[in-house]
Each structure stands twice: as C-alpha cells, then as structure tokens.
PDB file of N, CA and C in Angstrom:
ATOM      1  N   UNK A   1      10.879  -2.964 252.617  1.00  0.00           N
ATOM      2  CA  UNK A   1       9.855  -2.198 253.326  1.00  0.00           C
ATOM      3  C   UNK A   1       8.495  -2.321 252.651  1.00  0.00           C
ATOM      4  N   UNK A   2       8.468  -2.346 251.318  1.00  0.00           N
ATOM      5  CA  UNK A   2       7.193  -2.443 250.608  1.00  0.00           C
ATOM      6  C   UNK A   2       6.448  -3.707 250.991  1.00  0.00           C
ATOM      7  N   UNK A   3       7.179  -4.812 251.194  1.00  0.00           N
ATOM      8  CA  UNK A   3       6.527  -6.050 251.615  1.00  0.00           C
ATOM      9  C   UNK A   3       5.916  -5.891 253.001  1.00  0.00           C
ATOM     10  N   UNK A   4       6.609  -5.194 253.893  1.00  0.00           N
ATOM     11  CA  UNK A   4       6.086  -4.977 255.237  1.00  0.00           C
ATOM     12  C   UNK A   4       4.827  -4.118 255.186  1.00  0.00           C
ATOM     13  N   UNK A   5       4.848  -3.095 254.395  1.00  0.00           N
ATOM     14  CA  UNK A   5       3.670  -2.228 254.255  1.00  0.00           C
ATOM     15  C   UNK A   5       2.510  -3.021 253.673  1.00  0.00           C
ATOM     16  N   UNK A   6       2.784  -3.800 252.647  1.00  0.00           N
ATOM     17  CA  UNK A   6       1.727  -4.606 252.023  1.00  0.00           C
ATOM     18  C   UNK A   6       1.157  -5.609 253.017  1.00  0.00           C
ATOM     19  N   UNK A   7       2.020  -6.197 253.835  1.00  0.00           N
ATOM     20  CA  UNK A   7       1.569  -7.160 254.844  1.00  0.00           C
ATOM     21  C   UNK A   7       0.683  -6.481 255.879  1.00  0.00           C
ATOM     22  N   UNK A   8       1.079  -5.299 256.304  1.00  0.00           N
ATOM     23  CA  UNK A   8       0.293  -4.551 257.299  1.00  0.00           C
ATOM     24  C   UNK A   8      -1.049  -4.134 256.694  1.00  0.00           C
ATOM     25  N   UNK A   9      -1.042  -3.651 255.471  1.00  0.00           N
ATOM     26  CA  UNK A   9      -2.291  -3.267 254.802  1.00  0.00           C
ATOM     27  C   UNK A   9      -3.223  -4.473 254.716  1.00  0.00           C
ATOM     28  N   UNK A  10      -2.681  -5.620 254.303  1.00  0.00           N
ATOM     29  CA  UNK A  10      -3.496  -6.831 254.198  1.00  0.00           C
ATOM     30  C   UNK A  10      -4.043  -7.229 255.567  1.00  0.00           C
ATOM     31  N   UNK A  11      -3.191  -7.150 256.595  1.00  0.00           N
ATOM     32  CA  UNK A  11      -3.633  -7.486 257.950  1.00  0.00           C
ATOM     33  C   UNK A  11      -4.766  -6.600 258.428  1.00  0.00           C
ATOM     34  N   UNK A  12      -4.650  -5.317 258.184  1.00  0.00           N
ATOM     35  CA  UNK A  12      -5.700  -4.360 258.577  1.00  0.00           C
ATOM     36  C   UNK A  12      -7.002  -4.684 257.846  1.00  0.00           C
ATOM     37  N   UNK A  13      -6.907  -4.925 256.551  1.00  0.00           N
ATOM     38  CA  UNK A  13      -8.101  -5.248 255.764  1.00  0.00           C
ATOM     39  C   UNK A  13      -8.737  -6.549 256.233  1.00  0.00           C
ATOM     40  N   UNK A  14      -7.914  -7.557 256.526  1.00  0.00           N
ATOM     41  CA  UNK A  14      -8.433  -8.842 256.987  1.00  0.00           C
ATOM     42  C   UNK A  14      -9.152  -8.705 258.325  1.00  0.00           C
ATOM     43  N   UNK A  15      -8.533  -7.981 259.247  1.00  0.00           N
ATOM     44  CA  UNK A  15      -9.148  -7.766 260.561  1.00  0.00           C
ATOM     45  C   UNK A  15     -10.486  -7.055 260.405  1.00  0.00           C
ATOM     46  N   UNK A  16     -10.500  -5.979 259.645  1.00  0.00           N
ATOM     47  CA  UNK A  16     -11.730  -5.211 259.451  1.00  0.00           C
ATOM     48  C   UNK A  16     -12.814  -6.079 258.814  1.00  0.00           C
ATOM     49  N   UNK A  17     -12.437  -6.820 257.794  1.00  0.00           N
ATOM     50  CA  UNK A  17     -13.418  -7.660 257.101  1.00  0.00           C
ATOM     51  C   UNK A  17     -13.996  -8.718 258.024  1.00  0.00           C
ATOM     52  N   UNK A  18     -13.128  -9.396 258.785  1.00  0.00           N
ATOM     53  CA  UNK A  18     -13.607 -10.458 259.676  1.00  0.00           C
ATOM     54  C   UNK A  18     -14.568  -9.936 260.730  1.00  0.00           C
ATOM     55  N   UNK A  19     -14.208  -8.851 261.381  1.00  0.00           N
ATOM     56  CA  UNK A  19     -15.067  -8.297 262.432  1.00  0.00           C
ATOM     57  C   UNK A  19     -16.360  -7.770 261.845  1.00  0.00           C
ATOM     58  N   UNK A  20     -16.266  -7.002 260.774  1.00  0.00           N
ATOM     59  CA  UNK A  20     -17.466  -6.409 260.191  1.00  0.00           C
ATOM     60  C   UNK A  20     -18.401  -7.464 259.621  1.00  0.00           C
ATOM     61  N   UNK A  21     -17.866  -8.489 258.957  1.00  0.00           N
ATOM     62  CA  UNK A  21     -18.733  -9.530 258.395  1.00  0.00           C
ATOM     63  C   UNK A  21     -19.513 -10.246 259.485  1.00  0.00           C
ATOM     64  N   UNK A  22     -18.848 -10.613 260.582  1.00  0.00           N
ATOM     65  CA  UNK A  22     -19.530 -11.305 261.684  1.00  0.00           C
ATOM     66  C   UNK A  22     -20.602 -10.415 262.300  1.00  0.00           C
ATOM     67  N   UNK A  23     -20.233  -9.190 262.622  1.00  0.00           N
ATOM     68  CA  UNK A  23     -21.170  -8.308 263.310  1.00  0.00           C
ATOM     69  C   UNK A  23     -22.286  -7.834 262.397  1.00  0.00           C
ATOM     70  N   UNK A  24     -21.987  -7.601 261.142  1.00  0.00           N
ATOM     71  CA  UNK A  24     -23.032  -7.167 260.216  1.00  0.00           C
ATOM     72  C   UNK A  24     -24.048  -8.287 260.022  1.00  0.00           C
ATOM     73  N   UNK A  25     -23.602  -9.536 260.056  1.00  0.00           N
ATOM     74  CA  UNK A  25     -24.537 -10.656 259.972  1.00  0.00           C
ATOM     75  C   UNK A  25     -25.486 -10.649 261.160  1.00  0.00           C
ATOM     76  N   UNK A  26     -24.955 -10.389 262.333  1.00  0.00           N
ATOM     77  CA  UNK A  26     -25.792 -10.319 263.532  1.00  0.00           C
ATOM     78  C   UNK A  26     -26.771  -9.156 263.428  1.00  0.00           C
ATOM     79  N   UNK A  27     -26.284  -8.018 262.957  1.00  0.00           N
ATOM     80  CA  UNK A  27     -27.143  -6.839 262.798  1.00  0.00           C
ATOM     81  C   UNK A  27     -28.232  -7.128 261.772  1.00  0.00           C
ATOM     82  N   UNK A  28     -27.856  -7.770 260.687  1.00  0.00           N
ATOM     83  CA  UNK A  28     -28.824  -8.095 259.643  1.00  0.00           C
ATOM     84  C   UNK A  28     -29.968  -8.943 260.190  1.00  0.00           C
ATOM     85  N   UNK A  29     -29.626  -9.993 260.945  1.00  0.00           N
ATOM     86  CA  UNK A  29     -30.648 -10.867 261.519  1.00  0.00           C
ATOM     87  C   UNK A  29     -31.561 -10.115 262.465  1.00  0.00           C
ATOM     88  N   UNK A  30     -30.959  -9.326 263.330  1.00  0.00           N
ATOM     89  CA  UNK A  30     -31.740  -8.522 264.269  1.00  0.00           C
ATOM     90  C   UNK A  30     -32.638  -7.550 263.525  1.00  0.00           C
ATOM     91  N   UNK A  31     -32.071  -6.829 262.574  1.00  0.00           N
ATOM     92  CA  UNK A  31     -32.835  -5.788 261.895  1.00  0.00           C
ATOM     93  C   UNK A  31     -33.970  -6.380 261.067  1.00  0.00           C
ATOM     94  N   UNK A  32     -33.747  -7.531 260.456  1.00  0.00           N
ATOM     95  CA  UNK A  32     -34.817  -8.169 259.680  1.00  0.00           C
ATOM     96  C   UNK A  32     -36.011  -8.475 260.574  1.00  0.00           C
ATOM     97  N   UNK A  33     -35.752  -9.048 261.743  1.00  0.00           N
ATOM     98  CA  UNK A  33     -36.843  -9.390 262.671  1.00  0.00           C
ATOM     99  C   UNK A  33     -37.559  -8.133 263.157  1.00  0.00           C
ATOM    100  N   UNK A  34     -36.792  -7.122 263.497  1.00  0.00           N
ATOM    101  CA  UNK A  34     -37.395  -5.903 264.027  1.00  0.00           C
ATOM    102  C   UNK A  34     -38.188  -5.154 262.959  1.00  0.00           C
ATOM    103  N   UNK A  35     -37.638  -5.062 261.767  1.00  0.00           N
ATOM    104  CA  UNK A  35     -38.338  -4.360 260.683  1.00  0.00           C
ATOM    105  C   UNK A  35     -39.641  -5.089 260.356  1.00  0.00           C
ATOM    106  N   UNK A  36     -39.595  -6.403 260.364  1.00  0.00           N
ATOM    107  CA  UNK A  36     -40.816  -7.166 260.092  1.00  0.00           C
ATOM    108  C   UNK A  36     -41.864  -6.915 261.174  1.00  0.00           C
ATOM    109  N   UNK A  37     -41.449  -6.885 262.435  1.00  0.00           N
ATOM    110  CA  UNK A  37     -42.386  -6.617 263.530  1.00  0.00           C
ATOM    111  C   UNK A  37     -42.993  -5.219 263.411  1.00  0.00           C
ATOM    112  N   UNK A  38     -42.172  -4.241 263.074  1.00  0.00           N
ATOM    113  CA  UNK A  38     -42.669  -2.867 262.907  1.00  0.00           C
ATOM    114  C   UNK A  38     -43.649  -2.803 261.739  1.00  0.00           C
ATOM    115  N   UNK A  39     -43.322  -3.477 260.650  1.00  0.00           N
ATOM    116  CA  UNK A  39     -44.207  -3.479 259.475  1.00  0.00           C
ATOM    117  C   UNK A  39     -45.541  -4.142 259.806  1.00  0.00           C
ATOM    118  N   UNK A  40     -45.506  -5.273 260.519  1.00  0.00           N
ATOM    119  CA  UNK A  40     -46.747  -5.968 260.885  1.00  0.00           C
ATOM    120  C   UNK A  40     -47.614  -5.093 261.781  1.00  0.00           C
ATOM    121  N   UNK A  41     -46.973  -4.435 262.746  1.00  0.00           N
ATOM    122  CA  UNK A  41     -47.730  -3.546 263.639  1.00  0.00           C
ATOM    123  C   UNK A  41     -48.356  -2.401 262.842  1.00  0.00           C
ATOM    124  N   UNK A  42     -47.631  -1.881 261.868  1.00  0.00           N
ATOM    125  CA  UNK A  42     -48.145  -0.802 261.027  1.00  0.00           C
ATOM    126  C   UNK A  42     -49.377  -1.253 260.252  1.00  0.00           C
ATOM    127  N   UNK A  43     -49.314  -2.454 259.690  1.00  0.00           N
ATOM    128  CA  UNK A  43     -50.456  -2.988 258.924  1.00  0.00           C
ATOM    129  C   UNK A  43     -51.657  -3.212 259.836  1.00  0.00           C
ATOM    130  N   UNK A  44     -51.429  -3.712 261.035  1.00  0.00           N
ATOM    131  CA  UNK A  44     -52.529  -3.926 261.988  1.00  0.00           C
ATOM    132  C   UNK A  44     -53.208  -2.599 262.303  1.00  0.00           C
ATOM    133  N   UNK A  45     -52.414  -1.576 262.544  1.00  0.00           N
ATOM    134  CA  UNK A  45     -52.980  -0.253 262.837  1.00  0.00           C
ATOM    135  C   UNK A  45     -53.715   0.279 261.611  1.00  0.00           C
ATOM    136  N   UNK A  46     -53.106   0.138 260.459  1.00  0.00           N
ATOM    137  CA  UNK A  46     -53.711   0.604 259.209  1.00  0.00           C
ATOM    138  C   UNK A  46     -55.077  -0.031 258.997  1.00  0.00           C
ATOM    139  N   UNK A  47     -55.172  -1.341 259.192  1.00  0.00           N
ATOM    140  CA  UNK A  47     -56.451  -2.051 259.012  1.00  0.00           C
ATOM    141  C   UNK A  47     -57.466  -1.628 260.062  1.00  0.00           C
ATOM    142  N   UNK A  48     -57.000  -1.423 261.291  1.00  0.00           N
ATOM    143  CA  UNK A  48     -57.896  -0.993 262.361  1.00  0.00           C
ATOM    144  C   UNK A  48     -58.472   0.384 262.104  1.00  0.00           C
ATOM    145  N   UNK A  49     -57.646   1.279 261.584  1.00  0.00           N
ATOM    146  CA  UNK A  49     -58.116   2.631 261.255  1.00  0.00           C
ATOM    147  C   UNK A  49     -59.099   2.560 260.093  1.00  0.00           C
ATOM    148  N   UNK A  50     -58.765   1.779 259.078  1.00  0.00           N
ATOM    149  CA  UNK A  50     -59.632   1.669 257.896  1.00  0.00           C
ATOM    150  C   UNK A  50     -60.989   1.068 258.241  1.00  0.00           C
ATOM    151  N   UNK A  51     -61.003   0.099 259.160  1.00  0.00           N
ATOM    152  CA  UNK A  51     -62.270  -0.557 259.521  1.00  0.00           C
ATOM    153  C   UNK A  51     -63.062   0.244 260.541  1.00  0.00           C
ATOM    154  N   UNK A  52     -62.416   1.217 261.170  1.00  0.00           N
ATOM    155  CA  UNK A  52     -63.090   2.012 262.187  1.00  0.00           C
ATOM    156  C   UNK A  52     -62.933   1.429 263.579  1.00  0.00           C
ATOM    157  N   UNK A  53     -62.265   0.304 263.713  1.00  0.00           N
ATOM    158  CA  UNK A  53     -62.038  -0.293 265.032  1.00  0.00           C
ATOM    159  C   UNK A  53     -61.087   0.560 265.874  1.00  0.00           C
ATOM    160  N   UNK A  54     -60.254   1.336 265.206  1.00  0.00           N
ATOM    161  CA  UNK A  54     -59.335   2.237 265.915  1.00  0.00           C
ATOM    162  C   UNK A  54     -59.761   3.662 265.606  1.00  0.00           C
ATOM    163  N   UNK A  55     -60.255   4.356 266.679  1.00  0.00           N
ATOM    164  CA  UNK A  55     -60.674   5.745 266.490  1.00  0.00           C
ATOM    165  C   UNK A  55     -59.452   6.665 266.582  1.00  0.00           C
ATOM    166  N   UNK A  56     -59.697   7.979 266.475  1.00  0.00           N
ATOM    167  CA  UNK A  56     -58.585   8.937 266.416  1.00  0.00           C
ATOM    168  C   UNK A  56     -57.728   8.922 267.679  1.00  0.00           C
ATOM    169  N   UNK A  57     -58.360   8.859 268.847  1.00  0.00           N
ATOM    170  CA  UNK A  57     -57.590   8.838 270.093  1.00  0.00           C
ATOM    171  C   UNK A  57     -56.738   7.579 270.195  1.00  0.00           C
ATOM    172  N   UNK A  58     -57.345   6.456 269.860  1.00  0.00           N
ATOM    173  CA  UNK A  58     -56.626   5.189 269.919  1.00  0.00           C
ATOM    174  C   UNK A  58     -55.523   5.143 268.854  1.00  0.00           C
ATOM    175  N   UNK A  59     -55.799   5.769 267.717  1.00  0.00           N
ATOM    176  CA  UNK A  59     -54.808   5.818 266.654  1.00  0.00           C
ATOM    177  C   UNK A  59     -53.544   6.529 267.133  1.00  0.00           C
ATOM    178  N   UNK A  60     -53.711   7.635 267.853  1.00  0.00           N
ATOM    179  CA  UNK A  60     -52.565   8.365 268.392  1.00  0.00           C
ATOM    180  C   UNK A  60     -51.767   7.490 269.360  1.00  0.00           C
ATOM    181  N   UNK A  61     -52.479   6.710 270.167  1.00  0.00           N
ATOM    182  CA  UNK A  61     -51.829   5.791 271.095  1.00  0.00           C
ATOM    183  C   UNK A  61     -50.965   4.784 270.331  1.00  0.00           C
ATOM    184  N   UNK A  62     -51.535   4.194 269.277  1.00  0.00           N
ATOM    185  CA  UNK A  62     -50.797   3.211 268.492  1.00  0.00           C
ATOM    186  C   UNK A  62     -49.646   3.853 267.717  1.00  0.00           C
ATOM    187  N   UNK A  63     -49.848   5.070 267.234  1.00  0.00           N
ATOM    188  CA  UNK A  63     -48.767   5.768 266.544  1.00  0.00           C
ATOM    189  C   UNK A  63     -47.607   6.061 267.490  1.00  0.00           C
ATOM    190  N   UNK A  64     -47.927   6.403 268.734  1.00  0.00           N
ATOM    191  CA  UNK A  64     -46.876   6.595 269.738  1.00  0.00           C
ATOM    192  C   UNK A  64     -46.099   5.295 269.948  1.00  0.00           C
ATOM    193  N   UNK A  65     -46.825   4.182 269.942  1.00  0.00           N
ATOM    194  CA  UNK A  65     -46.177   2.883 270.080  1.00  0.00           C
ATOM    195  C   UNK A  65     -45.256   2.579 268.909  1.00  0.00           C
ATOM    196  N   UNK A  66     -45.702   2.917 267.696  1.00  0.00           N
ATOM    197  CA  UNK A  66     -44.857   2.726 266.518  1.00  0.00           C
ATOM    198  C   UNK A  66     -43.595   3.581 266.604  1.00  0.00           C
ATOM    199  N   UNK A  67     -43.765   4.803 267.060  1.00  0.00           N
ATOM    200  CA  UNK A  67     -42.624   5.691 267.242  1.00  0.00           C
ATOM    201  C   UNK A  67     -41.623   5.087 268.217  1.00  0.00           C
ATOM    202  N   UNK A  68     -42.135   4.549 269.311  1.00  0.00           N
ATOM    203  CA  UNK A  68     -41.266   3.927 270.318  1.00  0.00           C
ATOM    204  C   UNK A  68     -40.547   2.716 269.738  1.00  0.00           C
ATOM    205  N   UNK A  69     -41.250   1.916 268.944  1.00  0.00           N
ATOM    206  CA  UNK A  69     -40.629   0.752 268.312  1.00  0.00           C
ATOM    207  C   UNK A  69     -39.489   1.190 267.386  1.00  0.00           C
ATOM    208  N   UNK A  70     -39.741   2.227 266.599  1.00  0.00           N
ATOM    209  CA  UNK A  70     -38.727   2.724 265.666  1.00  0.00           C
ATOM    210  C   UNK A  70     -37.522   3.283 266.426  1.00  0.00           C
ATOM    211  N   UNK A  71     -37.778   4.003 267.487  1.00  0.00           N
ATOM    212  CA  UNK A  71     -36.692   4.575 268.287  1.00  0.00           C
ATOM    213  C   UNK A  71     -35.864   3.473 268.942  1.00  0.00           C
ATOM    214  N   UNK A  72     -36.521   2.469 269.499  1.00  0.00           N
ATOM    215  CA  UNK A  72     -35.806   1.350 270.105  1.00  0.00           C
ATOM    216  C   UNK A  72     -34.956   0.625 269.066  1.00  0.00           C
ATOM    217  N   UNK A  73     -35.509   0.440 267.887  1.00  0.00           N
ATOM    218  CA  UNK A  73     -34.794  -0.213 266.796  1.00  0.00           C
ATOM    219  C   UNK A  73     -33.513   0.552 266.467  1.00  0.00           C
ATOM    220  N   UNK A  74     -33.642   1.852 266.266  1.00  0.00           N
ATOM    221  CA  UNK A  74     -32.487   2.681 265.904  1.00  0.00           C
ATOM    222  C   UNK A  74     -31.467   2.718 267.046  1.00  0.00           C
ATOM    223  N   UNK A  75     -31.927   2.850 268.282  1.00  0.00           N
ATOM    224  CA  UNK A  75     -31.003   2.892 269.409  1.00  0.00           C
ATOM    225  C   UNK A  75     -30.257   1.573 269.581  1.00  0.00           C
ATOM    226  N   UNK A  76     -30.942   0.463 269.353  1.00  0.00           N
ATOM    227  CA  UNK A  76     -30.282  -0.839 269.442  1.00  0.00           C
ATOM    228  C   UNK A  76     -29.238  -0.986 268.345  1.00  0.00           C
ATOM    229  N   UNK A  77     -29.589  -0.590 267.125  1.00  0.00           N
ATOM    230  CA  UNK A  77     -28.610  -0.636 266.032  1.00  0.00           C
ATOM    231  C   UNK A  77     -27.398   0.241 266.348  1.00  0.00           C
ATOM    232  N   UNK A  78     -27.668   1.408 266.906  1.00  0.00           N
ATOM    233  CA  UNK A  78     -26.590   2.321 267.279  1.00  0.00           C
ATOM    234  C   UNK A  78     -25.650   1.646 268.281  1.00  0.00           C
ATOM    235  N   UNK A  79     -26.220   0.983 269.274  1.00  0.00           N
ATOM    236  CA  UNK A  79     -25.421   0.296 270.279  1.00  0.00           C
ATOM    237  C   UNK A  79     -24.602  -0.837 269.693  1.00  0.00           C
ATOM    238  N   UNK A  80     -25.234  -1.635 268.844  1.00  0.00           N
ATOM    239  CA  UNK A  80     -24.530  -2.755 268.200  1.00  0.00           C
ATOM    240  C   UNK A  80     -23.380  -2.228 267.350  1.00  0.00           C
ATOM    241  N   UNK A  81     -23.629  -1.178 266.602  1.00  0.00           N
ATOM    242  CA  UNK A  81     -22.582  -0.615 265.740  1.00  0.00           C
ATOM    243  C   UNK A  81     -21.448  -0.008 266.561  1.00  0.00           C
ATOM    244  N   UNK A  82     -21.769   0.600 267.697  1.00  0.00           N
ATOM    245  CA  UNK A  82     -20.719   1.157 268.557  1.00  0.00           C
ATOM    246  C   UNK A  82     -19.821   0.040 269.089  1.00  0.00           C
ATOM    247  N   UNK A  83     -20.427  -1.074 269.487  1.00  0.00           N
ATOM    248  CA  UNK A  83     -19.650  -2.210 269.976  1.00  0.00           C
ATOM    249  C   UNK A  83     -18.775  -2.763 268.855  1.00  0.00           C
ATOM    250  N   UNK A  84     -19.332  -2.863 267.659  1.00  0.00           N
ATOM    251  CA  UNK A  84     -18.579  -3.355 266.510  1.00  0.00           C
ATOM    252  C   UNK A  84     -17.376  -2.464 266.225  1.00  0.00           C
ATOM    253  N   UNK A  85     -17.592  -1.163 266.227  1.00  0.00           N
ATOM    254  CA  UNK A  85     -16.493  -0.235 265.971  1.00  0.00           C
ATOM    255  C   UNK A  85     -15.431  -0.314 267.067  1.00  0.00           C
ATOM    256  N   UNK A  86     -15.848  -0.498 268.301  1.00  0.00           N
ATOM    257  CA  UNK A  86     -14.904  -0.642 269.407  1.00  0.00           C
ATOM    258  C   UNK A  86     -14.069  -1.915 269.240  1.00  0.00           C
ATOM    259  N   UNK A  87     -14.720  -3.018 268.854  1.00  0.00           N
ATOM    260  CA  UNK A  87     -13.994  -4.267 268.612  1.00  0.00           C
ATOM    261  C   UNK A  87     -12.993  -4.095 267.474  1.00  0.00           C
ATOM    262  N   UNK A  88     -13.427  -3.418 266.436  1.00  0.00           N
ATOM    263  CA  UNK A  88     -12.548  -3.175 265.290  1.00  0.00           C
ATOM    264  C   UNK A  88     -11.342  -2.331 265.707  1.00  0.00           C
ATOM    265  N   UNK A  89     -11.582  -1.269 266.431  1.00  0.00           N
ATOM    266  CA  UNK A  89     -10.508  -0.398 266.883  1.00  0.00           C
ATOM    267  C   UNK A  89      -9.518  -1.169 267.750  1.00  0.00           C
ATOM    268  N   UNK A  90     -10.020  -1.947 268.716  1.00  0.00           N
ATOM    269  CA  UNK A  90      -9.146  -2.728 269.589  1.00  0.00           C
ATOM    270  C   UNK A  90      -8.304  -3.714 268.789  1.00  0.00           C
ATOM    271  N   UNK A  91      -8.927  -4.418 267.853  1.00  0.00           N
ATOM    272  CA  UNK A  91      -8.199  -5.401 267.042  1.00  0.00           C
ATOM    273  C   UNK A  91      -7.127  -4.722 266.193  1.00  0.00           C
ATOM    274  N   UNK A  92      -7.465  -3.579 265.607  1.00  0.00           N
ATOM    275  CA  UNK A  92      -6.489  -2.867 264.779  1.00  0.00           C
ATOM    276  C   UNK A  92      -5.311  -2.355 265.611  1.00  0.00           C
ATOM    277  N   UNK A  93      -5.582  -1.796 266.764  1.00  0.00           N
ATOM    278  CA  UNK A  93      -4.509  -1.285 267.624  1.00  0.00           C
ATOM    279  C   UNK A  93      -3.614  -2.438 268.076  1.00  0.00           C
ATOM    280  N   UNK A  94      -4.213  -3.560 268.479  1.00  0.00           N
ATOM    281  CA  UNK A  94      -3.409  -4.716 268.884  1.00  0.00           C
ATOM    282  C   UNK A  94      -2.524  -5.192 267.735  1.00  0.00           C
ATOM    283  N   UNK A  95      -3.100  -5.261 266.549  1.00  0.00           N
ATOM    284  CA  UNK A  95      -2.329  -5.686 265.374  1.00  0.00           C
ATOM    285  C   UNK A  95      -1.170  -4.735 265.104  1.00  0.00           C
ATOM    286  N   UNK A  96      -1.445  -3.442 265.153  1.00  0.00           N
ATOM    287  CA  UNK A  96      -0.406  -2.452 264.880  1.00  0.00           C
ATOM    288  C   UNK A  96       0.683  -2.469 265.951  1.00  0.00           C
ATOM    289  N   UNK A  97       0.299  -2.627 267.201  1.00  0.00           N
ATOM    290  CA  UNK A  97       1.282  -2.723 268.274  1.00  0.00           C
ATOM    291  C   UNK A  97       2.175  -3.936 268.075  1.00  0.00           C
ATOM    292  N   UNK A  98       1.584  -5.059 267.697  1.00  0.00           N
ATOM    293  CA  UNK A  98       2.367  -6.278 267.441  1.00  0.00           C
ATOM    294  C   UNK A  98       3.314  -6.054 266.263  1.00  0.00           C
ATOM    295  N   UNK A  99       2.834  -5.337 265.246  1.00  0.00           N
ATOM    296  CA  UNK A  99       3.688  -5.050 264.090  1.00  0.00           C
ATOM    297  C   UNK A  99       4.896  -4.213 264.482  1.00  0.00           C
ATOM    298  N   UNK A 100       4.709  -3.339 265.449  1.00  0.00           N
ATOM    299  CA  UNK A 100       5.804  -2.504 265.941  1.00  0.00           C
ATOM    300  C   UNK A 100       6.677  -3.291 266.915  1.00  0.00           C
ATOM    301  N   UNK A 101       6.128  -4.355 267.488  1.00  0.00           N
ATOM    302  CA  UNK A 101       6.884  -5.169 268.434  1.00  0.00           C
ATOM    303  C   UNK A 101       6.539  -4.894 269.879  1.00  0.00           C
ATOM    304  N   UNK A 102       5.442  -4.187 270.095  1.00  0.00           N
ATOM    305  CA  UNK A 102       4.983  -3.877 271.463  1.00  0.00           C
ATOM    306  C   UNK A 102       4.020  -4.968 271.909  1.00  0.00           C
ATOM    307  N   UNK A 103       4.241  -5.498 273.096  1.00  0.00           N
ATOM    308  CA  UNK A 103       3.344  -6.518 273.637  1.00  0.00           C
ATOM    309  C   UNK A 103       2.212  -5.822 274.386  1.00  0.00           C
ATOM    310  N   UNK A 104       1.003  -6.208 274.054  1.00  0.00           N
ATOM    311  CA  UNK A 104      -0.164  -5.581 274.675  1.00  0.00           C
ATOM    312  C   UNK A 104      -0.676  -6.470 275.780  1.00  0.00           C
TER     313      UNK A 104
END
C-alpha cells in the first residue's frame, strides 16, 4: 500500500507542477508586458505633470486611465488563475478516478 500511496502522491505533484509551470509562464509573460505598459504610462503622466503640459483636470483623467489599466490587469490575472486552477482540479480528479479504476 505504501508504494501505491507514494505513486499517487508523486502523480499529484507531477500533475500540479506541469500545469502550474506552463500556466505561470504564460502569466509571467503577460504580466511583464502589462506592468511595463502601466509603468511607461505612469512616467508619461509624471513628466507631463512636472512640465505643466498636464493640468489638474487632465491629470485626473489620466489617473482614471491608470486606475482602469491596473483594474484590467488584476482582473485578467484573476481570470487566468481561475482557468489554471480549474485545469488543475480537472487533471487531479481524472488522475484520482483512474487510480480508483473509474473511467471518466
């Protein structure tokens, strides 16, 4: 029985690692691009405010845009992570069912 338990533990860990590594790589690439875009927009606004090209009213407009960018970023990450967790759950359940001998 100990060998069976060890095999199942290894299988669960392997499944989790494979799914998470692939999806985290995708998230990393996406997040790097988005964070860079948000940072660049922040610097543009910062320079515009410092030079006086962006007045207080316009500054509020740009700050609202930054807020929207940040919210979209977080919501997209949330969605990607939900899909990843769903894939992980499905893979684990399928593996466990197969271990029990149930065909899915």
